C-alpha cells in the first residue's frame, strides 16, 4: 500500500524527510521520545530513519539521522520523487519500502496522477 508520494524540494534534499513520515511511522517503534522507521530500498538495503516530533501549535517532524545519508547515497536531486510503501504482515508486523524515481520535475500533481494510473 502506498503511504505517500513526494516530489523532493531543495529543503527535502538538504535538511529533512517530508512531514508525511509522521503518518507512516510505526507507533510501536517509539523510544526516548522518538520514532525509528526502518525502510528497505529497491536493492534491499535497510535504512534507519530516526524521527522526533517537535511540540508546539503545529507539531513538526524532525529527522535526527538517516535521511541525509540516504539522500547522498541515492544522489537525490530536487525534482526526484520518493514513494513510501507499507506492507502489513500478520506474523512479523509492518514492513516499509522506499522507491526512488529520478527526474520527475517539481509538478507533484501531474506526477502523482501519472504514477497512480500506472499502478
PDB file of N, CA and C in Angstrom:
ATOM      1  N   UNK A   1       0.840  -1.173   0.000  1.00  0.00           N
ATOM      2  CA  UNK A   1       0.000   0.000   0.000  1.00  0.00           C
ATOM      3  C   UNK A   1       0.892   1.246   0.000  1.00  0.00           C
ATOM      4  N   UNK A   2       0.575   2.195  -0.852  1.00  0.00           N
ATOM      5  CA  UNK A   2       1.343   3.437  -0.918  1.00  0.00           C
ATOM      6  C   UNK A   2       0.956   4.322   0.267  1.00  0.00           C
ATOM      7  N   UNK A   3       1.952   4.755   1.045  1.00  0.00           N
ATOM      8  CA  UNK A   3       1.733   5.670   2.168  1.00  0.00           C
ATOM      9  C   UNK A   3       1.754   7.109   1.662  1.00  0.00           C
ATOM     10  N   UNK A   4       2.797   7.440   0.886  1.00  0.00           N
ATOM     11  CA  UNK A   4       2.836   8.761   0.268  1.00  0.00           C
ATOM     12  C   UNK A   4       3.794   8.781  -0.903  1.00  0.00           C
ATOM     13  N   UNK A   5       3.554   9.765  -1.764  1.00  0.00           N
ATOM     14  CA  UNK A   5       4.416  10.061  -2.913  1.00  0.00           C
ATOM     15  C   UNK A   5       4.851  11.499  -2.728  1.00  0.00           C
ATOM     16  N   UNK A   6       6.144  11.767  -2.875  1.00  0.00           N
ATOM     17  CA  UNK A   6       6.643  13.127  -2.652  1.00  0.00           C
ATOM     18  C   UNK A   6       7.693  13.468  -3.686  1.00  0.00           C
ATOM     19  N   UNK A   7       7.445  14.535  -4.447  1.00  0.00           N
ATOM     20  CA  UNK A   7       8.480  15.096  -5.312  1.00  0.00           C
ATOM     21  C   UNK A   7       9.337  15.983  -4.414  1.00  0.00           C
ATOM     22  N   UNK A   8      10.621  15.721  -4.398  1.00  0.00           N
ATOM     23  CA  UNK A   8      11.518  16.360  -3.435  1.00  0.00           C
ATOM     24  C   UNK A   8      11.847  17.805  -3.801  1.00  0.00           C
ATOM     25  N   UNK A   9      11.869  18.632  -2.766  1.00  0.00           N
ATOM     26  CA  UNK A   9      12.234  20.040  -2.889  1.00  0.00           C
ATOM     27  C   UNK A   9      13.661  20.226  -2.388  1.00  0.00           C
ATOM     28  N   UNK A  10      14.166  21.437  -2.520  1.00  0.00           N
ATOM     29  CA  UNK A  10      15.512  21.757  -2.041  1.00  0.00           C
ATOM     30  C   UNK A  10      15.631  21.491  -0.534  1.00  0.00           C
ATOM     31  N   UNK A  11      14.602  21.858   0.233  1.00  0.00           N
ATOM     32  CA  UNK A  11      14.628  21.631   1.689  1.00  0.00           C
ATOM     33  C   UNK A  11      14.648  20.140   1.994  1.00  0.00           C
ATOM     34  N   UNK A  12      13.865  19.345   1.263  1.00  0.00           N
ATOM     35  CA  UNK A  12      13.855  17.895   1.461  1.00  0.00           C
ATOM     36  C   UNK A  12      15.247  17.311   1.246  1.00  0.00           C
ATOM     37  N   UNK A  13      15.941  17.802   0.233  1.00  0.00           N
ATOM     38  CA  UNK A  13      17.268  17.287  -0.120  1.00  0.00           C
ATOM     39  C   UNK A  13      18.329  17.724   0.888  1.00  0.00           C
ATOM     40  N   UNK A  14      18.230  18.944   1.359  1.00  0.00           N
ATOM     41  CA  UNK A  14      19.282  19.493   2.220  1.00  0.00           C
ATOM     42  C   UNK A  14      19.093  19.217   3.698  1.00  0.00           C
ATOM     43  N   UNK A  15      17.833  19.049   4.150  1.00  0.00           N
ATOM     44  CA  UNK A  15      17.641  19.005   5.598  1.00  0.00           C
ATOM     45  C   UNK A  15      16.792  17.877   6.140  1.00  0.00           C
ATOM     46  N   UNK A  16      15.620  17.630   5.588  1.00  0.00           N
ATOM     47  CA  UNK A  16      14.690  16.772   6.306  1.00  0.00           C
ATOM     48  C   UNK A  16      13.794  15.940   5.399  1.00  0.00           C
ATOM     49  N   UNK A  17      13.437  14.801   5.889  1.00  0.00           N
ATOM     50  CA  UNK A  17      12.451  13.960   5.218  1.00  0.00           C
ATOM     51  C   UNK A  17      11.097  14.642   5.302  1.00  0.00           C
ATOM     52  N   UNK A  18      10.245  14.479   4.291  1.00  0.00           N
ATOM     53  CA  UNK A  18       8.938  15.115   4.318  1.00  0.00           C
ATOM     54  C   UNK A  18       8.132  14.768   5.566  1.00  0.00           C
ATOM     55  N   UNK A  19       7.291  15.722   6.005  1.00  0.00           N
ATOM     56  CA  UNK A  19       6.454  15.531   7.188  1.00  0.00           C
ATOM     57  C   UNK A  19       5.550  14.313   7.099  1.00  0.00           C
ATOM     58  N   UNK A  20       5.297  13.812   5.919  1.00  0.00           N
ATOM     59  CA  UNK A  20       4.418  12.654   5.758  1.00  0.00           C
ATOM     60  C   UNK A  20       4.955  11.427   6.474  1.00  0.00           C
ATOM     61  N   UNK A  21       6.244  11.428   6.790  1.00  0.00           N
ATOM     62  CA  UNK A  21       6.828  10.315   7.544  1.00  0.00           C
ATOM     63  C   UNK A  21       6.102  10.137   8.872  1.00  0.00           C
ATOM     64  N   UNK A  22       5.578  11.229   9.409  1.00  0.00           N
ATOM     65  CA  UNK A  22       4.877  11.178  10.686  1.00  0.00           C
ATOM     66  C   UNK A  22       3.720  10.192  10.642  1.00  0.00           C
ATOM     67  N   UNK A  23       2.936  10.218   9.567  1.00  0.00           N
ATOM     68  CA  UNK A  23       1.813   9.298   9.459  1.00  0.00           C
ATOM     69  C   UNK A  23       2.283   7.876   9.177  1.00  0.00           C
ATOM     70  N   UNK A  24       3.448   7.726   8.568  1.00  0.00           N
ATOM     71  CA  UNK A  24       3.922   6.402   8.181  1.00  0.00           C
ATOM     72  C   UNK A  24       4.672   5.694   9.298  1.00  0.00           C
ATOM     73  N   UNK A  25       5.121   6.433  10.298  1.00  0.00           N
ATOM     74  CA  UNK A  25       5.957   5.854  11.337  1.00  0.00           C
ATOM     75  C   UNK A  25       5.192   4.865  12.204  1.00  0.00           C
ATOM     76  N   UNK A  26       5.789   3.710  12.433  1.00  0.00           N
ATOM     77  CA  UNK A  26       5.132   2.724  13.285  1.00  0.00           C
ATOM     78  C   UNK A  26       5.148   3.158  14.744  1.00  0.00           C
ATOM     79  N   UNK A  27       3.991   3.210  15.374  1.00  0.00           N
ATOM     80  CA  UNK A  27       3.879   3.662  16.761  1.00  0.00           C
ATOM     81  C   UNK A  27       4.667   2.769  17.713  1.00  0.00           C
ATOM     82  N   UNK A  28       4.785   1.484  17.421  1.00  0.00           N
ATOM     83  CA  UNK A  28       5.454   0.559  18.330  1.00  0.00           C
ATOM     84  C   UNK A  28       6.964   0.748  18.391  1.00  0.00           C
ATOM     85  N   UNK A  29       7.526   1.528  17.487  1.00  0.00           N
ATOM     86  CA  UNK A  29       8.968   1.724  17.430  1.00  0.00           C
ATOM     87  C   UNK A  29       9.435   2.921  18.253  1.00  0.00           C
ATOM     88  N   UNK A  30       8.543   3.559  19.008  1.00  0.00           N
ATOM     89  CA  UNK A  30       8.914   4.753  19.768  1.00  0.00           C
ATOM     90  C   UNK A  30       9.859   4.418  20.910  1.00  0.00           C
ATOM     91  N   UNK A  31      10.855   5.278  21.089  1.00  0.00           N
ATOM     92  CA  UNK A  31      11.761   5.147  22.226  1.00  0.00           C
ATOM     93  C   UNK A  31      12.383   6.501  22.501  1.00  0.00           C
ATOM     94  N   UNK A  32      12.486   6.859  23.768  1.00  0.00           N
ATOM     95  CA  UNK A  32      13.108   8.115  24.193  1.00  0.00           C
ATOM     96  C   UNK A  32      12.520   9.322  23.464  1.00  0.00           C
ATOM     97  N   UNK A  33      11.190   9.330  23.265  1.00  0.00           N
ATOM     98  CA  UNK A  33      10.535  10.464  22.635  1.00  0.00           C
ATOM     99  C   UNK A  33      10.681  10.510  21.134  1.00  0.00           C
ATOM    100  N   UNK A  34      11.259   9.496  20.546  1.00  0.00           N
ATOM    101  CA  UNK A  34      11.440   9.492  19.103  1.00  0.00           C
ATOM    102  C   UNK A  34      10.854   8.245  18.476  1.00  0.00           C
ATOM    103  N   UNK A  35      10.983   8.157  17.187  1.00  0.00           N
ATOM    104  CA  UNK A  35      10.481   7.017  16.442  1.00  0.00           C
ATOM    105  C   UNK A  35      11.554   6.537  15.486  1.00  0.00           C
ATOM    106  N   UNK A  36      11.648   5.222  15.348  1.00  0.00           N
ATOM    107  CA  UNK A  36      12.581   4.615  14.414  1.00  0.00           C
ATOM    108  C   UNK A  36      11.765   4.043  13.259  1.00  0.00           C
ATOM    109  N   UNK A  37      12.094   4.455  12.068  1.00  0.00           N
ATOM    110  CA  UNK A  37      11.425   3.950  10.880  1.00  0.00           C
ATOM    111  C   UNK A  37      12.451   3.206  10.038  1.00  0.00           C
ATOM    112  N   UNK A  38      12.293   1.883   9.942  1.00  0.00           N
ATOM    113  CA  UNK A  38      13.185   1.068   9.121  1.00  0.00           C
ATOM    114  C   UNK A  38      12.538   0.881   7.757  1.00  0.00           C
ATOM    115  N   UNK A  39      13.309   1.213   6.710  1.00  0.00           N
ATOM    116  CA  UNK A  39      12.781   1.196   5.350  1.00  0.00           C
ATOM    117  C   UNK A  39      13.774   0.475   4.449  1.00  0.00           C
ATOM    118  N   UNK A  40      13.277  -0.427   3.626  1.00  0.00           N
ATOM    119  CA  UNK A  40      14.128  -1.145   2.676  1.00  0.00           C
ATOM    120  C   UNK A  40      14.016  -0.477   1.314  1.00  0.00           C
ATOM    121  N   UNK A  41      15.164  -0.261   0.663  1.00  0.00           N
ATOM    122  CA  UNK A  41      15.132   0.371  -0.658  1.00  0.00           C
ATOM    123  C   UNK A  41      14.996  -0.679  -1.755  1.00  0.00           C
ATOM    124  N   UNK A  42      15.035  -0.231  -3.002  1.00  0.00           N
ATOM    125  CA  UNK A  42      14.801  -1.104  -4.146  1.00  0.00           C
ATOM    126  C   UNK A  42      15.876  -2.153  -4.371  1.00  0.00           C
ATOM    127  N   UNK A  43      17.051  -1.996  -3.765  1.00  0.00           N
ATOM    128  CA  UNK A  43      18.099  -3.008  -3.904  1.00  0.00           C
ATOM    129  C   UNK A  43      18.272  -3.825  -2.630  1.00  0.00           C
ATOM    130  N   UNK A  44      17.397  -3.606  -1.651  1.00  0.00           N
ATOM    131  CA  UNK A  44      17.414  -4.420  -0.439  1.00  0.00           C
ATOM    132  C   UNK A  44      18.188  -3.857   0.737  1.00  0.00           C
ATOM    133  N   UNK A  45      18.718  -2.646   0.607  1.00  0.00           N
ATOM    134  CA  UNK A  45      19.441  -2.022   1.726  1.00  0.00           C
ATOM    135  C   UNK A  45      18.416  -1.530   2.743  1.00  0.00           C
ATOM    136  N   UNK A  46      18.653  -1.848   4.017  1.00  0.00           N
ATOM    137  CA  UNK A  46      17.769  -1.409   5.092  1.00  0.00           C
ATOM    138  C   UNK A  46      18.275  -0.081   5.642  1.00  0.00           C
ATOM    139  N   UNK A  47      17.419   0.939   5.613  1.00  0.00           N
ATOM    140  CA  UNK A  47      17.747   2.275   6.090  1.00  0.00           C
ATOM    141  C   UNK A  47      17.000   2.544   7.383  1.00  0.00           C
ATOM    142  N   UNK A  48      17.671   3.153   8.354  1.00  0.00           N
ATOM    143  CA  UNK A  48      17.061   3.518   9.624  1.00  0.00           C
ATOM    144  C   UNK A  48      16.919   5.033   9.692  1.00  0.00           C
ATOM    145  N   UNK A  49      15.684   5.502   9.719  1.00  0.00           N
ATOM    146  CA  UNK A  49      15.406   6.917   9.893  1.00  0.00           C
ATOM    147  C   UNK A  49      14.912   7.108  11.316  1.00  0.00           C
ATOM    148  N   UNK A  50      15.577   7.988  12.057  1.00  0.00           N
ATOM    149  CA  UNK A  50      15.178   8.289  13.425  1.00  0.00           C
ATOM    150  C   UNK A  50      14.488   9.643  13.447  1.00  0.00           C
ATOM    151  N   UNK A  51      13.248   9.668  13.941  1.00  0.00           N
ATOM    152  CA  UNK A  51      12.411  10.851  13.903  1.00  0.00           C
ATOM    153  C   UNK A  51      12.021  11.281  15.313  1.00  0.00           C
ATOM    154  N   UNK A  52      11.950  12.577  15.538  1.00  0.00           N
ATOM    155  CA  UNK A  52      11.370  13.118  16.762  1.00  0.00           C
ATOM    156  C   UNK A  52      10.307  14.117  16.367  1.00  0.00           C
ATOM    157  N   UNK A  53       9.360  14.345  17.257  1.00  0.00           N
ATOM    158  CA  UNK A  53       8.282  15.276  16.980  1.00  0.00           C
ATOM    159  C   UNK A  53       8.469  16.511  17.838  1.00  0.00           C
ATOM    160  N   UNK A  54       8.663  17.655  17.168  1.00  0.00           N
ATOM    161  CA  UNK A  54       8.813  18.931  17.854  1.00  0.00           C
ATOM    162  C   UNK A  54       7.434  19.415  18.285  1.00  0.00           C
ATOM    163  N   UNK A  55       7.296  19.745  19.561  1.00  0.00           N
ATOM    164  CA  UNK A  55       5.993  20.184  20.055  1.00  0.00           C
ATOM    165  C   UNK A  55       5.738  21.641  19.687  1.00  0.00           C
ATOM    166  N   UNK A  56       4.496  22.052  19.850  1.00  0.00           N
ATOM    167  CA  UNK A  56       4.102  23.421  19.539  1.00  0.00           C
ATOM    168  C   UNK A  56       2.701  23.436  18.969  1.00  0.00           C
ATOM    169  N   UNK A  57       2.292  24.595  18.492  1.00  0.00           N
ATOM    170  CA  UNK A  57       0.961  24.733  17.918  1.00  0.00           C
ATOM    171  C   UNK A  57       0.806  23.802  16.715  1.00  0.00           C
ATOM    172  N   UNK A  58       1.843  23.747  15.875  1.00  0.00           N
ATOM    173  CA  UNK A  58       1.860  22.847  14.735  1.00  0.00           C
ATOM    174  C   UNK A  58       3.026  21.886  14.908  1.00  0.00           C
ATOM    175  N   UNK A  59       2.776  20.690  15.503  1.00  0.00           N
ATOM    176  CA  UNK A  59       3.865  19.743  15.702  1.00  0.00           C
ATOM    177  C   UNK A  59       4.566  19.447  14.374  1.00  0.00           C
ATOM    178  N   UNK A  60       5.884  19.389  14.412  1.00  0.00           N
ATOM    179  CA  UNK A  60       6.669  19.160  13.201  1.00  0.00           C
ATOM    180  C   UNK A  60       7.610  17.992  13.422  1.00  0.00           C
ATOM    181  N   UNK A  61       7.758  17.213  12.401  1.00  0.00           N
ATOM    182  CA  UNK A  61       8.649  16.066  12.442  1.00  0.00           C
ATOM    183  C   UNK A  61      10.078  16.510  12.154  1.00  0.00           C
ATOM    184  N   UNK A  62      10.999  16.080  12.980  1.00  0.00           N
ATOM    185  CA  UNK A  62      12.424  16.308  12.727  1.00  0.00           C
ATOM    186  C   UNK A  62      13.098  14.957  12.554  1.00  0.00           C
ATOM    187  N   UNK A  63      13.920  14.840  11.537  1.00  0.00           N
ATOM    188  CA  UNK A  63      14.687  13.624  11.330  1.00  0.00           C
ATOM    189  C   UNK A  63      16.025  13.811  12.017  1.00  0.00           C
ATOM    190  N   UNK A  64      16.268  12.986  13.007  1.00  0.00           N
ATOM    191  CA  UNK A  64      17.506  13.095  13.766  1.00  0.00           C
ATOM    192  C   UNK A  64      18.671  12.519  12.965  1.00  0.00           C
ATOM    193  N   UNK A  65      18.445  11.410  12.299  1.00  0.00           N
ATOM    194  CA  UNK A  65      19.516  10.821  11.492  1.00  0.00           C
ATOM    195  C   UNK A  65      18.947   9.879  10.444  1.00  0.00           C
ATOM    196  N   UNK A  66      19.748   9.604   9.442  1.00  0.00           N
ATOM    197  CA  UNK A  66      19.415   8.627   8.420  1.00  0.00           C
ATOM    198  C   UNK A  66      18.998   9.191   7.080  1.00  0.00           C
ATOM    199  N   UNK A  67      18.221  10.274   7.082  1.00  0.00           N
ATOM    200  CA  UNK A  67      17.691  10.804   5.828  1.00  0.00           C
ATOM    201  C   UNK A  67      18.780  11.381   4.924  1.00  0.00           C
ATOM    202  N   UNK A  68      19.641  12.207   5.477  1.00  0.00           N
ATOM    203  CA  UNK A  68      20.691  12.846   4.656  1.00  0.00           C
ATOM    204  C   UNK A  68      21.633  11.795   4.073  1.00  0.00           C
ATOM    205  N   UNK A  69      21.951  10.763   4.846  1.00  0.00           N
ATOM    206  CA  UNK A  69      22.789   9.680   4.338  1.00  0.00           C
ATOM    207  C   UNK A  69      22.108   8.991   3.148  1.00  0.00           C
ATOM    208  N   UNK A  70      20.795   8.792   3.252  1.00  0.00           N
ATOM    209  CA  UNK A  70      20.026   8.184   2.169  1.00  0.00           C
ATOM    210  C   UNK A  70      20.064   9.072   0.925  1.00  0.00           C
ATOM    211  N   UNK A  71      19.833  10.381   1.123  1.00  0.00           N
ATOM    212  CA  UNK A  71      19.848  11.346   0.019  1.00  0.00           C
ATOM    213  C   UNK A  71      21.194  11.310  -0.701  1.00  0.00           C
ATOM    214  N   UNK A  72      22.276  11.320   0.058  1.00  0.00           N
ATOM    215  CA  UNK A  72      23.622  11.323  -0.547  1.00  0.00           C
ATOM    216  C   UNK A  72      23.918  10.008  -1.263  1.00  0.00           C
ATOM    217  N   UNK A  73      23.574   8.890  -0.620  1.00  0.00           N
ATOM    218  CA  UNK A  73      23.846   7.584  -1.220  1.00  0.00           C
ATOM    219  C   UNK A  73      23.090   7.412  -2.533  1.00  0.00           C
ATOM    220  N   UNK A  74      21.842   7.855  -2.552  1.00  0.00           N
ATOM    221  CA  UNK A  74      20.999   7.720  -3.747  1.00  0.00           C
ATOM    222  C   UNK A  74      21.201   8.864  -4.738  1.00  0.00           C
ATOM    223  N   UNK A  75      22.032   9.854  -4.371  1.00  0.00           N
ATOM    224  CA  UNK A  75      22.310  11.019  -5.207  1.00  0.00           C
ATOM    225  C   UNK A  75      21.008  11.690  -5.664  1.00  0.00           C
ATOM    226  N   UNK A  76      20.147  11.959  -4.674  1.00  0.00           N
ATOM    227  CA  UNK A  76      18.856  12.576  -4.967  1.00  0.00           C
ATOM    228  C   UNK A  76      19.015  14.062  -5.263  1.00  0.00           C
ATOM    229  N   UNK A  77      18.144  14.564  -6.113  1.00  0.00           N
ATOM    230  CA  UNK A  77      18.137  15.972  -6.505  1.00  0.00           C
ATOM    231  C   UNK A  77      16.712  16.510  -6.408  1.00  0.00           C
ATOM    232  N   UNK A  78      16.610  17.837  -6.401  1.00  0.00           N
ATOM    233  CA  UNK A  78      15.310  18.482  -6.470  1.00  0.00           C
ATOM    234  C   UNK A  78      14.587  17.976  -7.712  1.00  0.00           C
ATOM    235  N   UNK A  79      13.324  17.608  -7.541  1.00  0.00           N
ATOM    236  CA  UNK A  79      12.543  17.087  -8.654  1.00  0.00           C
ATOM    237  C   UNK A  79      12.481  15.581  -8.713  1.00  0.00           C
ATOM    238  N   UNK A  80      13.395  14.886  -8.027  1.00  0.00           N
ATOM    239  CA  UNK A  80      13.278  13.436  -7.911  1.00  0.00           C
ATOM    240  C   UNK A  80      12.102  13.147  -6.989  1.00  0.00           C
ATOM    241  N   UNK A  81      11.580  11.950  -7.055  1.00  0.00           N
ATOM    242  CA  UNK A  81      10.428  11.599  -6.225  1.00  0.00           C
ATOM    243  C   UNK A  81      10.730  10.352  -5.407  1.00  0.00           C
ATOM    244  N   UNK A  82      10.072  10.265  -4.248  1.00  0.00           N
ATOM    245  CA  UNK A  82      10.127   9.046  -3.450  1.00  0.00           C
ATOM    246  C   UNK A  82       8.701   8.550  -3.241  1.00  0.00           C
ATOM    247  N   UNK A  83       8.586   7.240  -3.169  1.00  0.00           N
ATOM    248  CA  UNK A  83       7.308   6.601  -2.873  1.00  0.00           C
ATOM    249  C   UNK A  83       7.563   5.708  -1.670  1.00  0.00           C
ATOM    250  N   UNK A  84       6.768   5.876  -0.610  1.00  0.00           N
ATOM    251  CA  UNK A  84       6.890   5.055   0.582  1.00  0.00           C
ATOM    252  C   UNK A  84       5.716   4.090   0.626  1.00  0.00           C
ATOM    253  N   UNK A  85       6.039   2.798   0.768  1.00  0.00           N
ATOM    254  CA  UNK A  85       5.038   1.747   0.822  1.00  0.00           C
ATOM    255  C   UNK A  85       5.029   1.110   2.206  1.00  0.00           C
ATOM    256  N   UNK A  86       3.882   0.575   2.583  1.00  0.00           N
ATOM    257  CA  UNK A  86       3.766  -0.196   3.822  1.00  0.00           C
ATOM    258  C   UNK A  86       3.041  -1.488   3.490  1.00  0.00           C
ATOM    259  N   UNK A  87       3.662  -2.605   3.867  1.00  0.00           N
ATOM    260  CA  UNK A  87       3.033  -3.914   3.723  1.00  0.00           C
ATOM    261  C   UNK A  87       2.841  -4.495   5.112  1.00  0.00           C
ATOM    262  N   UNK A  88       1.608  -4.869   5.429  1.00  0.00           N
ATOM    263  CA  UNK A  88       1.323  -5.472   6.730  1.00  0.00           C
ATOM    264  C   UNK A  88       1.466  -6.983   6.638  1.00  0.00           C
ATOM    265  N   UNK A  89       2.204  -7.544   7.587  1.00  0.00           N
ATOM    266  CA  UNK A  89       2.391  -8.979   7.689  1.00  0.00           C
ATOM    267  C   UNK A  89       1.885  -9.402   9.064  1.00  0.00           C
ATOM    268  N   UNK A  90       0.928 -10.292   9.112  1.00  0.00           N
ATOM    269  CA  UNK A  90       0.334 -10.680  10.394  1.00  0.00           C
ATOM    270  C   UNK A  90       1.325 -11.384  11.308  1.00  0.00           C
ATOM    271  N   UNK A  91       2.362 -11.985  10.757  1.00  0.00           N
ATOM    272  CA  UNK A  91       3.348 -12.683  11.586  1.00  0.00           C
ATOM    273  C   UNK A  91       4.483 -11.780  12.055  1.00  0.00           C
ATOM    274  N   UNK A  92       5.011 -10.952  11.167  1.00  0.00           N
ATOM    275  CA  UNK A  92       6.203 -10.164  11.505  1.00  0.00           C
ATOM    276  C   UNK A  92       5.933  -8.673  11.663  1.00  0.00           C
ATOM    277  N   UNK A  93       4.709  -8.241  11.414  1.00  0.00           N
ATOM    278  CA  UNK A  93       4.382  -6.825  11.543  1.00  0.00           C
ATOM    279  C   UNK A  93       4.589  -6.076  10.238  1.00  0.00           C
ATOM    280  N   UNK A  94       4.458  -4.751  10.298  1.00  0.00           N
ATOM    281  CA  UNK A  94       4.557  -3.959   9.063  1.00  0.00           C
ATOM    282  C   UNK A  94       5.986  -3.891   8.519  1.00  0.00           C
ATOM    283  N   UNK A  95       6.095  -3.858   7.206  1.00  0.00           N
ATOM    284  CA  UNK A  95       7.360  -3.675   6.504  1.00  0.00           C
ATOM    285  C   UNK A  95       7.217  -2.450   5.616  1.00  0.00           C
ATOM    286  N   UNK A  96       8.275  -1.628   5.583  1.00  0.00           N
ATOM    287  CA  UNK A  96       8.250  -0.400   4.792  1.00  0.00           C
ATOM    288  C   UNK A  96       9.275  -0.483   3.678  1.00  0.00           C
ATOM    289  N   UNK A  97       8.910   0.060   2.534  1.00  0.00           N
ATOM    290  CA  UNK A  97       9.798   0.080   1.366  1.00  0.00           C
ATOM    291  C   UNK A  97       9.785   1.485   0.794  1.00  0.00           C
ATOM    292  N   UNK A  98      10.944   1.945   0.327  1.00  0.00           N
ATOM    293  CA  UNK A  98      11.038   3.253  -0.309  1.00  0.00           C
ATOM    294  C   UNK A  98      11.556   3.070  -1.728  1.00  0.00           C
ATOM    295  N   UNK A  99      10.919   3.746  -2.652  1.00  0.00           N
ATOM    296  CA  UNK A  99      11.299   3.700  -4.061  1.00  0.00           C
ATOM    297  C   UNK A  99      11.696   5.107  -4.492  1.00  0.00           C
ATOM    298  N   UNK A 100      12.769   5.197  -5.249  1.00  0.00           N
ATOM    299  CA  UNK A 100      13.248   6.481  -5.768  1.00  0.00           C
ATOM    300  C   UNK A 100      12.946   6.534  -7.258  1.00  0.00           C
ATOM    301  N   UNK A 101      12.334   7.637  -7.680  1.00  0.00           N
ATOM    302  CA  UNK A 101      12.050   7.871  -9.090  1.00  0.00           C
ATOM    303  C   UNK A 101      12.780   9.150  -9.481  1.00  0.00           C
ATOM    304  N   UNK A 102      13.751   9.021 -10.336  1.00  0.00           N
ATOM    305  CA  UNK A 102      14.626  10.149 -10.677  1.00  0.00           C
ATOM    306  C   UNK A 102      14.024  11.042 -11.751  1.00  0.00           C
ATOM    307  N   UNK A 103      14.183  12.383 -11.519  1.00  0.00           N
ATOM    308  CA  UNK A 103      13.933  13.389 -12.541  1.00  0.00           C
ATOM    309  C   UNK A 103      12.513  13.566 -13.010  1.00  0.00           C
ATOM    310  N   UNK A 104      11.568  13.733 -12.091  1.00  0.00           N
ATOM    311  CA  UNK A 104      10.182  13.926 -12.497  1.00  0.00           C
ATOM    312  C   UNK A 104       9.723  15.369 -12.386  1.00  0.00           C
ATOM    313  N   UNK A 105      10.616  16.289 -12.109  1.00  0.00           N
ATOM    314  CA  UNK A 105      10.247  17.697 -12.056  1.00  0.00           C
ATOM    315  C   UNK A 105       9.522  18.060 -10.779  1.00  0.00           C
ATOM    316  N   UNK A 106       9.132  19.323 -10.680  1.00  0.00           N
ATOM    317  CA  UNK A 106       8.510  19.827  -9.462  1.00  0.00           C
ATOM    318  C   UNK A 106       6.986  19.782  -9.503  1.00  0.00           C
ATOM    319  N   UNK A 107       6.395  19.266 -10.564  1.00  0.00           N
ATOM    320  CA  UNK A 107       4.939  19.247 -10.671  1.00  0.00           C
ATOM    321  C   UNK A 107       4.394  17.987 -10.010  1.00  0.00           C
ATOM    322  N   UNK A 108       4.097  18.077  -8.733  1.00  0.00           N
ATOM    323  CA  UNK A 108       3.639  16.941  -7.938  1.00  0.00           C
ATOM    324  C   UNK A 108       2.334  16.370  -8.457  1.00  0.00           C
ATOM    325  N   UNK A 109       1.362  17.206  -8.781  1.00  0.00           N
ATOM    326  CA  UNK A 109       0.038  16.711  -9.150  1.00  0.00           C
ATOM    327  C   UNK A 109       0.077  15.878 -10.430  1.00  0.00           C
ATOM    328  N   UNK A 110       0.780  16.352 -11.450  1.00  0.00           N
ATOM    329  CA  UNK A 110       0.826  15.573 -12.684  1.00  0.00           C
ATOM    330  C   UNK A 110       1.633  14.293 -12.480  1.00  0.00           C
ATOM    331  N   UNK A 111       2.678  14.361 -11.666  1.00  0.00           N
ATOM    332  CA  UNK A 111       3.461  13.161 -11.374  1.00  0.00           C
ATOM    333  C   UNK A 111       2.604  12.137 -10.650  1.00  0.00           C
ATOM    334  N   UNK A 112       1.864  12.572  -9.614  1.00  0.00           N
ATOM    335  CA  UNK A 112       1.039  11.661  -8.820  1.00  0.00           C
ATOM    336  C   UNK A 112      -0.030  11.006  -9.695  1.00  0.00           C
ATOM    337  N   UNK A 113      -0.669  11.774 -10.570  1.00  0.00           N
ATOM    338  CA  UNK A 113      -1.688  11.207 -11.449  1.00  0.00           C
ATOM    339  C   UNK A 113      -1.081  10.176 -12.382  1.00  0.00           C
ATOM    340  N   UNK A 114       0.095  10.477 -12.924  1.00  0.00           N
ATOM    341  CA  UNK A 114       0.771   9.536 -13.816  1.00  0.00           C
ATOM    342  C   UNK A 114       1.126   8.261 -13.068  1.00  0.00           C
ATOM    343  N   UNK A 115       1.623   8.403 -11.838  1.00  0.00           N
ATOM    344  CA  UNK A 115       2.058   7.253 -11.063  1.00  0.00           C
ATOM    345  C   UNK A 115       0.861   6.390 -10.682  1.00  0.00           C
ATOM    346  N   UNK A 116      -0.220   6.998 -10.229  1.00  0.00           N
ATOM    347  CA  UNK A 116      -1.391   6.251  -9.788  1.00  0.00           C
ATOM    348  C   UNK A 116      -2.006   5.480 -10.964  1.00  0.00           C
ATOM    349  N   UNK A 117      -2.017   6.073 -12.149  1.00  0.00           N
ATOM    350  CA  UNK A 117      -2.552   5.387 -13.325  1.00  0.00           C
ATOM    351  C   UNK A 117      -1.723   4.166 -13.681  1.00  0.00           C
ATOM    352  N   UNK A 118      -0.420   4.202 -13.409  1.00  0.00           N
ATOM    353  CA  UNK A 118       0.442   3.086 -13.783  1.00  0.00           C
ATOM    354  C   UNK A 118       0.402   1.948 -12.777  1.00  0.00           C
ATOM    355  N   UNK A 119      -0.180   2.175 -11.612  1.00  0.00           N
ATOM    356  CA  UNK A 119      -0.238   1.130 -10.567  1.00  0.00           C
ATOM    357  C   UNK A 119      -1.377   0.162 -10.812  1.00  0.00           C
TER     358      UNK A 119
END
